[in-house]
Amino acid sequence: MADDIDRAHELEELHRAAALKARLTRKPYPPQDIECGKVFCIDCGDEVPPARLNVEPETPWCVECQGYHELKDRC
């Protein structure tokens, strides 16, 4: 049990560090080109894959960042 909690905490710290680094090296909000089908994650700036947009058209996050937010909400 403690190992799972430690791993979750470690993943959260790694994700925060990556998100902070991404925010420091990019514009405040990534460009959104919805007409061309390009949407970018508001946390990391990576393009949100078209398949994900077909399932969740209004999502602000890529799959990895969405997973982080779901994990954070559970803790």
PDB file of N, CA and C in Angstrom:
ATOM      1  N   MET A   1       0.827  -1.196   0.000  1.00  0.00           N
ATOM      2  CA  MET A   1       0.000   0.000   0.000  1.00  0.00           C
ATOM      3  C   MET A   1       0.871   1.259   0.000  1.00  0.00           C
ATOM      4  N   ALA A   2       1.872   1.270   0.870  1.00  0.00           N
ATOM      5  CA  ALA A   2       2.749   2.439   0.939  1.00  0.00           C
ATOM      6  C   ALA A   2       3.507   2.626  -0.368  1.00  0.00           C
ATOM      7  N   ASP A   3       3.883   1.516  -1.017  1.00  0.00           N
ATOM      8  CA  ASP A   3       4.585   1.621  -2.293  1.00  0.00           C
ATOM      9  C   ASP A   3       3.716   2.294  -3.350  1.00  0.00           C
ATOM     10  N   ASP A   4       2.423   1.968  -3.373  1.00  0.00           N
ATOM     11  CA  ASP A   4       1.507   2.591  -4.326  1.00  0.00           C
ATOM     12  C   ASP A   4       1.384   4.087  -4.061  1.00  0.00           C
ATOM     13  N   ILE A   5       1.291   4.449  -2.817  1.00  0.00           N
ATOM     14  CA  ILE A   5       1.180   5.866  -2.450  1.00  0.00           C
ATOM     15  C   ILE A   5       2.468   6.605  -2.793  1.00  0.00           C
ATOM     16  N   ASP A   6       3.608   5.983  -2.497  1.00  0.00           N
ATOM     17  CA  ASP A   6       4.892   6.599  -2.836  1.00  0.00           C
ATOM     18  C   ASP A   6       5.021   6.792  -4.343  1.00  0.00           C
ATOM     19  N   ARG A   7       4.604   5.790  -5.110  1.00  0.00           N
ATOM     20  CA  ARG A   7       4.693   5.870  -6.570  1.00  0.00           C
ATOM     21  C   ARG A   7       3.764   6.966  -7.099  1.00  0.00           C
ATOM     22  N   ALA A   8       2.566   7.056  -6.558  1.00  0.00           N
ATOM     23  CA  ALA A   8       1.631   8.102  -6.981  1.00  0.00           C
ATOM     24  C   ALA A   8       2.200   9.485  -6.675  1.00  0.00           C
ATOM     25  N   HIS A   9       2.807   9.631  -5.505  1.00  0.00           N
ATOM     26  CA  HIS A   9       3.414  10.909  -5.127  1.00  0.00           C
ATOM     27  C   HIS A   9       4.578  11.238  -6.063  1.00  0.00           C
ATOM     28  N   GLU A  10       5.384  10.242  -6.375  1.00  0.00           N
ATOM     29  CA  GLU A  10       6.520  10.441  -7.276  1.00  0.00           C
ATOM     30  C   GLU A  10       6.036  10.853  -8.669  1.00  0.00           C
ATOM     31  N   LEU A  11       4.991  10.193  -9.167  1.00  0.00           N
ATOM     32  CA  LEU A  11       4.443  10.548 -10.477  1.00  0.00           C
ATOM     33  C   LEU A  11       3.887  11.966 -10.479  1.00  0.00           C
ATOM     34  N   GLU A  12       3.241  12.350  -9.398  1.00  0.00           N
ATOM     35  CA  GLU A  12       2.706  13.703  -9.302  1.00  0.00           C
ATOM     36  C   GLU A  12       3.835  14.732  -9.338  1.00  0.00           C
ATOM     37  N   GLU A  13       4.907  14.477  -8.618  1.00  0.00           N
ATOM     38  CA  GLU A  13       6.045  15.400  -8.610  1.00  0.00           C
ATOM     39  C   GLU A  13       6.681  15.502  -9.994  1.00  0.00           C
ATOM     40  N   LEU A  14       6.838  14.363 -10.676  1.00  0.00           N
ATOM     41  CA  LEU A  14       7.414  14.373 -12.019  1.00  0.00           C
ATOM     42  C   LEU A  14       6.526  15.146 -12.988  1.00  0.00           C
ATOM     43  N   HIS A  15       5.237  14.939 -12.891  1.00  0.00           N
ATOM     44  CA  HIS A  15       4.320  15.637 -13.789  1.00  0.00           C
ATOM     45  C   HIS A  15       4.316  17.133 -13.513  1.00  0.00           C
ATOM     46  N   ARG A  16       4.341  17.509 -12.258  1.00  0.00           N
ATOM     47  CA  ARG A  16       4.391  18.944 -11.924  1.00  0.00           C
ATOM     48  C   ARG A  16       5.653  19.588 -12.469  1.00  0.00           C
ATOM     49  N   ALA A  17       6.786  18.904 -12.330  1.00  0.00           N
ATOM     50  CA  ALA A  17       8.048  19.438 -12.840  1.00  0.00           C
ATOM     51  C   ALA A  17       7.992  19.582 -14.357  1.00  0.00           C
ATOM     52  N   ALA A  18       7.441  18.582 -15.041  1.00  0.00           N
ATOM     53  CA  ALA A  18       7.332  18.643 -16.498  1.00  0.00           C
ATOM     54  C   ALA A  18       6.378  19.753 -16.931  1.00  0.00           C
ATOM     55  N   ALA A  19       5.261  19.895 -16.228  1.00  0.00           N
ATOM     56  CA  ALA A  19       4.296  20.943 -16.563  1.00  0.00           C
ATOM     57  C   ALA A  19       4.895  22.327 -16.329  1.00  0.00           C
ATOM     58  N   LEU A  20       5.630  22.489 -15.243  1.00  0.00           N
ATOM     59  CA  LEU A  20       6.271  23.773 -14.959  1.00  0.00           C
ATOM     60  C   LEU A  20       7.296  24.107 -16.035  1.00  0.00           C
ATOM     61  N   LYS A  21       8.104  23.127 -16.406  1.00  0.00           N
ATOM     62  CA  LYS A  21       9.101  23.346 -17.456  1.00  0.00           C
ATOM     63  C   LYS A  21       8.417  23.724 -18.765  1.00  0.00           C
ATOM     64  N   ALA A  22       7.331  23.031 -19.095  1.00  0.00           N
ATOM     65  CA  ALA A  22       6.601  23.334 -20.329  1.00  0.00           C
ATOM     66  C   ALA A  22       6.020  24.741 -20.285  1.00  0.00           C
ATOM     67  N   ARG A  23       5.495  25.132 -19.150  1.00  0.00           N
ATOM     68  CA  ARG A  23       4.903  26.475 -19.034  1.00  0.00           C
ATOM     69  C   ARG A  23       5.954  27.569 -19.141  1.00  0.00           C
ATOM     70  N   LEU A  24       7.143  27.302 -18.642  1.00  0.00           N
ATOM     71  CA  LEU A  24       8.200  28.309 -18.691  1.00  0.00           C
ATOM     72  C   LEU A  24       8.782  28.466 -20.088  1.00  0.00           C
ATOM     73  N   THR A  25       8.591  27.463 -20.946  1.00  0.00           N
ATOM     74  CA  THR A  25       9.200  27.499 -22.274  1.00  0.00           C
ATOM     75  C   THR A  25       8.188  27.684 -23.394  1.00  0.00           C
ATOM     76  N   ARG A  26       6.955  28.027 -23.078  1.00  0.00           N
ATOM     77  CA  ARG A  26       5.946  28.231 -24.122  1.00  0.00           C
ATOM     78  C   ARG A  26       5.084  29.443 -23.802  1.00  0.00           C
ATOM     79  N   LYS A  27       4.262  29.785 -24.764  1.00  0.00           N
ATOM     80  CA  LYS A  27       3.311  30.877 -24.573  1.00  0.00           C
ATOM     81  C   LYS A  27       2.295  30.463 -23.516  1.00  0.00           C
ATOM     82  N   PRO A  28       1.597  31.430 -22.902  1.00  0.00           N
ATOM     83  CA  PRO A  28       0.658  31.083 -21.833  1.00  0.00           C
ATOM     84  C   PRO A  28      -0.391  30.054 -22.244  1.00  0.00           C
ATOM     85  N   TYR A  29      -0.913  30.145 -23.446  1.00  0.00           N
ATOM     86  CA  TYR A  29      -1.879  29.165 -23.933  1.00  0.00           C
ATOM     87  C   TYR A  29      -1.422  28.687 -25.295  1.00  0.00           C
ATOM     88  N   PRO A  30      -1.424  27.391 -25.518  1.00  0.00           N
ATOM     89  CA  PRO A  30      -1.000  26.892 -26.823  1.00  0.00           C
ATOM     90  C   PRO A  30      -2.003  27.294 -27.897  1.00  0.00           C
ATOM     91  N   PRO A  31      -1.539  27.397 -29.140  1.00  0.00           N
ATOM     92  CA  PRO A  31      -2.458  27.781 -30.211  1.00  0.00           C
ATOM     93  C   PRO A  31      -3.508  26.699 -30.437  1.00  0.00           C
ATOM     94  N   GLN A  32      -4.706  27.125 -30.712  1.00  0.00           N
ATOM     95  CA  GLN A  32      -5.791  26.193 -31.006  1.00  0.00           C
ATOM     96  C   GLN A  32      -6.242  26.454 -32.443  1.00  0.00           C
ATOM     97  N   ASP A  33      -6.181  25.440 -33.265  1.00  0.00           N
ATOM     98  CA  ASP A  33      -6.642  25.557 -34.645  1.00  0.00           C
ATOM     99  C   ASP A  33      -7.757  24.548 -34.844  1.00  0.00           C
ATOM    100  N   ILE A  34      -8.885  24.822 -34.205  1.00  0.00           N
ATOM    101  CA  ILE A  34      -9.997  23.879 -34.172  1.00  0.00           C
ATOM    102  C   ILE A  34     -10.538  23.610 -35.573  1.00  0.00           C
ATOM    103  N   GLU A  35     -10.546  24.626 -36.444  1.00  0.00           N
ATOM    104  CA  GLU A  35     -11.056  24.423 -37.801  1.00  0.00           C
ATOM    105  C   GLU A  35     -10.240  23.376 -38.548  1.00  0.00           C
ATOM    106  N   CYS A  36      -8.951  23.313 -38.287  1.00  0.00           N
ATOM    107  CA  CYS A  36      -8.089  22.309 -38.923  1.00  0.00           C
ATOM    108  C   CYS A  36      -7.991  21.043 -38.078  1.00  0.00           C
ATOM    109  N   GLY A  37      -8.675  21.020 -36.947  1.00  0.00           N
ATOM    110  CA  GLY A  37      -8.668  19.830 -36.101  1.00  0.00           C
ATOM    111  C   GLY A  37      -7.480  19.723 -35.181  1.00  0.00           C
ATOM    112  N   LYS A  38      -6.751  20.809 -34.981  1.00  0.00           N
ATOM    113  CA  LYS A  38      -5.589  20.769 -34.096  1.00  0.00           C
ATOM    114  C   LYS A  38      -5.915  21.476 -32.788  1.00  0.00           C
ATOM    115  N   VAL A  39      -5.820  20.728 -31.720  1.00  0.00           N
ATOM    116  CA  VAL A  39      -6.039  21.251 -30.377  1.00  0.00           C
ATOM    117  C   VAL A  39      -4.839  20.829 -29.555  1.00  0.00           C
ATOM    118  N   PHE A  40      -4.361  21.718 -28.697  1.00  0.00           N
ATOM    119  CA  PHE A  40      -3.166  21.447 -27.919  1.00  0.00           C
ATOM    120  C   PHE A  40      -3.489  21.427 -26.430  1.00  0.00           C
ATOM    121  N   CYS A  41      -2.860  20.511 -25.728  1.00  0.00           N
ATOM    122  CA  CYS A  41      -3.059  20.336 -24.292  1.00  0.00           C
ATOM    123  C   CYS A  41      -2.684  21.615 -23.548  1.00  0.00           C
ATOM    124  N   ILE A  42      -3.539  22.033 -22.623  1.00  0.00           N
ATOM    125  CA  ILE A  42      -3.269  23.267 -21.887  1.00  0.00           C
ATOM    126  C   ILE A  42      -2.198  23.084 -20.817  1.00  0.00           C
ATOM    127  N   ASP A  43      -1.850  21.829 -20.484  1.00  0.00           N
ATOM    128  CA  ASP A  43      -0.803  21.595 -19.487  1.00  0.00           C
ATOM    129  C   ASP A  43       0.576  21.461 -20.125  1.00  0.00           C
ATOM    130  N   CYS A  44       0.710  20.562 -21.098  1.00  0.00           N
ATOM    131  CA  CYS A  44       2.037  20.271 -21.648  1.00  0.00           C
ATOM    132  C   CYS A  44       2.269  20.882 -23.023  1.00  0.00           C
ATOM    133  N   GLY A  45       1.203  21.303 -23.707  1.00  0.00           N
ATOM    134  CA  GLY A  45       1.343  21.918 -25.023  1.00  0.00           C
ATOM    135  C   GLY A  45       1.405  20.936 -26.175  1.00  0.00           C
ATOM    136  N   ASP A  46       1.385  19.630 -25.898  1.00  0.00           N
ATOM    137  CA  ASP A  46       1.383  18.631 -26.967  1.00  0.00           C
ATOM    138  C   ASP A  46       0.038  18.648 -27.685  1.00  0.00           C
ATOM    139  N   GLU A  47       0.063  18.241 -28.952  1.00  0.00           N
ATOM    140  CA  GLU A  47      -1.188  18.161 -29.705  1.00  0.00           C
ATOM    141  C   GLU A  47      -2.074  17.056 -29.138  1.00  0.00           C
ATOM    142  N   VAL A  48      -3.350  17.352 -28.991  1.00  0.00           N
ATOM    143  CA  VAL A  48      -4.318  16.345 -28.558  1.00  0.00           C
ATOM    144  C   VAL A  48      -4.673  15.534 -29.805  1.00  0.00           C
ATOM    145  N   PRO A  49      -4.462  14.214 -29.767  1.00  0.00           N
ATOM    146  CA  PRO A  49      -4.697  13.392 -30.961  1.00  0.00           C
ATOM    147  C   PRO A  49      -6.147  13.484 -31.458  1.00  0.00           C
ATOM    148  N   PRO A  50      -6.336  13.461 -32.780  1.00  0.00           N
ATOM    149  CA  PRO A  50      -7.692  13.525 -33.341  1.00  0.00           C
ATOM    150  C   PRO A  50      -8.622  12.437 -32.799  1.00  0.00           C
ATOM    151  N   ALA A  51      -8.102  11.240 -32.558  1.00  0.00           N
ATOM    152  CA  ALA A  51      -8.940  10.159 -32.021  1.00  0.00           C
ATOM    153  C   ALA A  51      -9.501  10.545 -30.653  1.00  0.00           C
ATOM    154  N   ARG A  52      -8.694  11.223 -29.845  1.00  0.00           N
ATOM    155  CA  ARG A  52      -9.172  11.663 -28.526  1.00  0.00           C
ATOM    156  C   ARG A  52     -10.244  12.735 -28.688  1.00  0.00           C
ATOM    157  N   LEU A  53     -10.051  13.637 -29.637  1.00  0.00           N
ATOM    158  CA  LEU A  53     -11.037  14.695 -29.868  1.00  0.00           C
ATOM    159  C   LEU A  53     -12.360  14.126 -30.376  1.00  0.00           C
ATOM    160  N   ASN A  54     -12.304  13.004 -31.096  1.00  0.00           N
ATOM    161  CA  ASN A  54     -13.543  12.359 -31.541  1.00  0.00           C
ATOM    162  C   ASN A  54     -14.343  11.844 -30.352  1.00  0.00           C
ATOM    163  N   VAL A  55     -13.643  11.380 -29.317  1.00  0.00           N
ATOM    164  CA  VAL A  55     -14.299  10.848 -28.124  1.00  0.00           C
ATOM    165  C   VAL A  55     -14.698  11.973 -27.175  1.00  0.00           C
ATOM    166  N   GLU A  56     -13.796  12.941 -26.974  1.00  0.00           N
ATOM    167  CA  GLU A  56     -14.028  14.063 -26.049  1.00  0.00           C
ATOM    168  C   GLU A  56     -13.690  15.374 -26.756  1.00  0.00           C
ATOM    169  N   PRO A  57     -14.594  15.903 -27.576  1.00  0.00           N
ATOM    170  CA  PRO A  57     -14.294  17.087 -28.387  1.00  0.00           C
ATOM    171  C   PRO A  57     -13.902  18.333 -27.594  1.00  0.00           C
ATOM    172  N   GLU A  58     -14.349  18.453 -26.363  1.00  0.00           N
ATOM    173  CA  GLU A  58     -14.091  19.657 -25.571  1.00  0.00           C
ATOM    174  C   GLU A  58     -12.925  19.494 -24.600  1.00  0.00           C
ATOM    175  N   THR A  59     -12.180  18.402 -24.695  1.00  0.00           N
ATOM    176  CA  THR A  59     -11.123  18.143 -23.716  1.00  0.00           C
ATOM    177  C   THR A  59      -9.996  19.170 -23.808  1.00  0.00           C
ATOM    178  N   PRO A  60      -9.523  19.665 -22.671  1.00  0.00           N
ATOM    179  CA  PRO A  60      -8.394  20.596 -22.684  1.00  0.00           C
ATOM    180  C   PRO A  60      -7.044  19.892 -22.531  1.00  0.00           C
ATOM    181  N   TRP A  61      -7.060  18.548 -22.322  1.00  0.00           N
ATOM    182  CA  TRP A  61      -5.827  17.825 -22.014  1.00  0.00           C
ATOM    183  C   TRP A  61      -5.561  16.665 -22.956  1.00  0.00           C
ATOM    184  N   CYS A  62      -4.276  16.338 -23.113  1.00  0.00           N
ATOM    185  CA  CYS A  62      -3.882  15.110 -23.798  1.00  0.00           C
ATOM    186  C   CYS A  62      -4.169  13.938 -22.851  1.00  0.00           C
ATOM    187  N   VAL A  63      -4.013  12.716 -23.337  1.00  0.00           N
ATOM    188  CA  VAL A  63      -4.326  11.534 -22.532  1.00  0.00           C
ATOM    189  C   VAL A  63      -3.463  11.480 -21.271  1.00  0.00           C
ATOM    190  N   GLU A  64      -2.171  11.750 -21.409  1.00  0.00           N
ATOM    191  CA  GLU A  64      -1.271  11.675 -20.253  1.00  0.00           C
ATOM    192  C   GLU A  64      -1.656  12.690 -19.174  1.00  0.00           C
ATOM    193  N   CYS A  65      -1.905  13.920 -19.570  1.00  0.00           N
ATOM    194  CA  CYS A  65      -2.260  14.950 -18.588  1.00  0.00           C
ATOM    195  C   CYS A  65      -3.641  14.682 -17.986  1.00  0.00           C
ATOM    196  N   GLN A  66      -4.566  14.153 -18.786  1.00  0.00           N
ATOM    197  CA  GLN A  66      -5.884  13.777 -18.261  1.00  0.00           C
ATOM    198  C   GLN A  66      -5.722  12.726 -17.171  1.00  0.00           C
ATOM    199  N   GLY A  67      -4.853  11.735 -17.424  1.00  0.00           N
ATOM    200  CA  GLY A  67      -4.599  10.700 -16.423  1.00  0.00           C
ATOM    201  C   GLY A  67      -4.046  11.287 -15.141  1.00  0.00           C
ATOM    202  N   TYR A  68      -3.157  12.261 -15.271  1.00  0.00           N
ATOM    203  CA  TYR A  68      -2.606  12.921 -14.091  1.00  0.00           C
ATOM    204  C   TYR A  68      -3.720  13.595 -13.289  1.00  0.00           C
ATOM    205  N   HIS A  69      -4.604  14.315 -13.971  1.00  0.00           N
ATOM    206  CA  HIS A  69      -5.684  15.018 -13.272  1.00  0.00           C
ATOM    207  C   HIS A  69      -6.646  14.037 -12.604  1.00  0.00           C
ATOM    208  N   GLU A  70      -6.912  12.914 -13.256  1.00  0.00           N
ATOM    209  CA  GLU A  70      -7.777  11.902 -12.645  1.00  0.00           C
ATOM    210  C   GLU A  70      -7.115  11.301 -11.412  1.00  0.00           C
ATOM    211  N   LEU A  71      -5.813  11.032 -11.494  1.00  0.00           N
ATOM    212  CA  LEU A  71      -5.074  10.489 -10.350  1.00  0.00           C
ATOM    213  C   LEU A  71      -5.075  11.486  -9.199  1.00  0.00           C
ATOM    214  N   LYS A  72      -4.847  12.747  -9.510  1.00  0.00           N
ATOM    215  CA  LYS A  72      -4.822  13.794  -8.488  1.00  0.00           C
ATOM    216  C   LYS A  72      -6.183  13.917  -7.804  1.00  0.00           C
ATOM    217  N   ASP A  73      -7.257  13.802  -8.582  1.00  0.00           N
ATOM    218  CA  ASP A  73      -8.603  13.919  -8.016  1.00  0.00           C
ATOM    219  C   ASP A  73      -8.938  12.757  -7.087  1.00  0.00           C
ATOM    220  N   ARG A  74      -8.340  11.590  -7.322  1.00  0.00           N
ATOM    221  CA  ARG A  74      -8.611  10.419  -6.485  1.00  0.00           C
ATOM    222  C   ARG A  74      -7.900  10.498  -5.144  1.00  0.00           C
ATOM    223  N   CYS A  75      -6.796  11.201  -5.085  1.00  0.00           N
ATOM    224  CA  CYS A  75      -5.994  11.252  -3.845  1.00  0.00           C
ATOM    225  C   CYS A  75      -6.522  12.268  -2.871  1.00  0.00           C
TER     226      CYS A  75
END
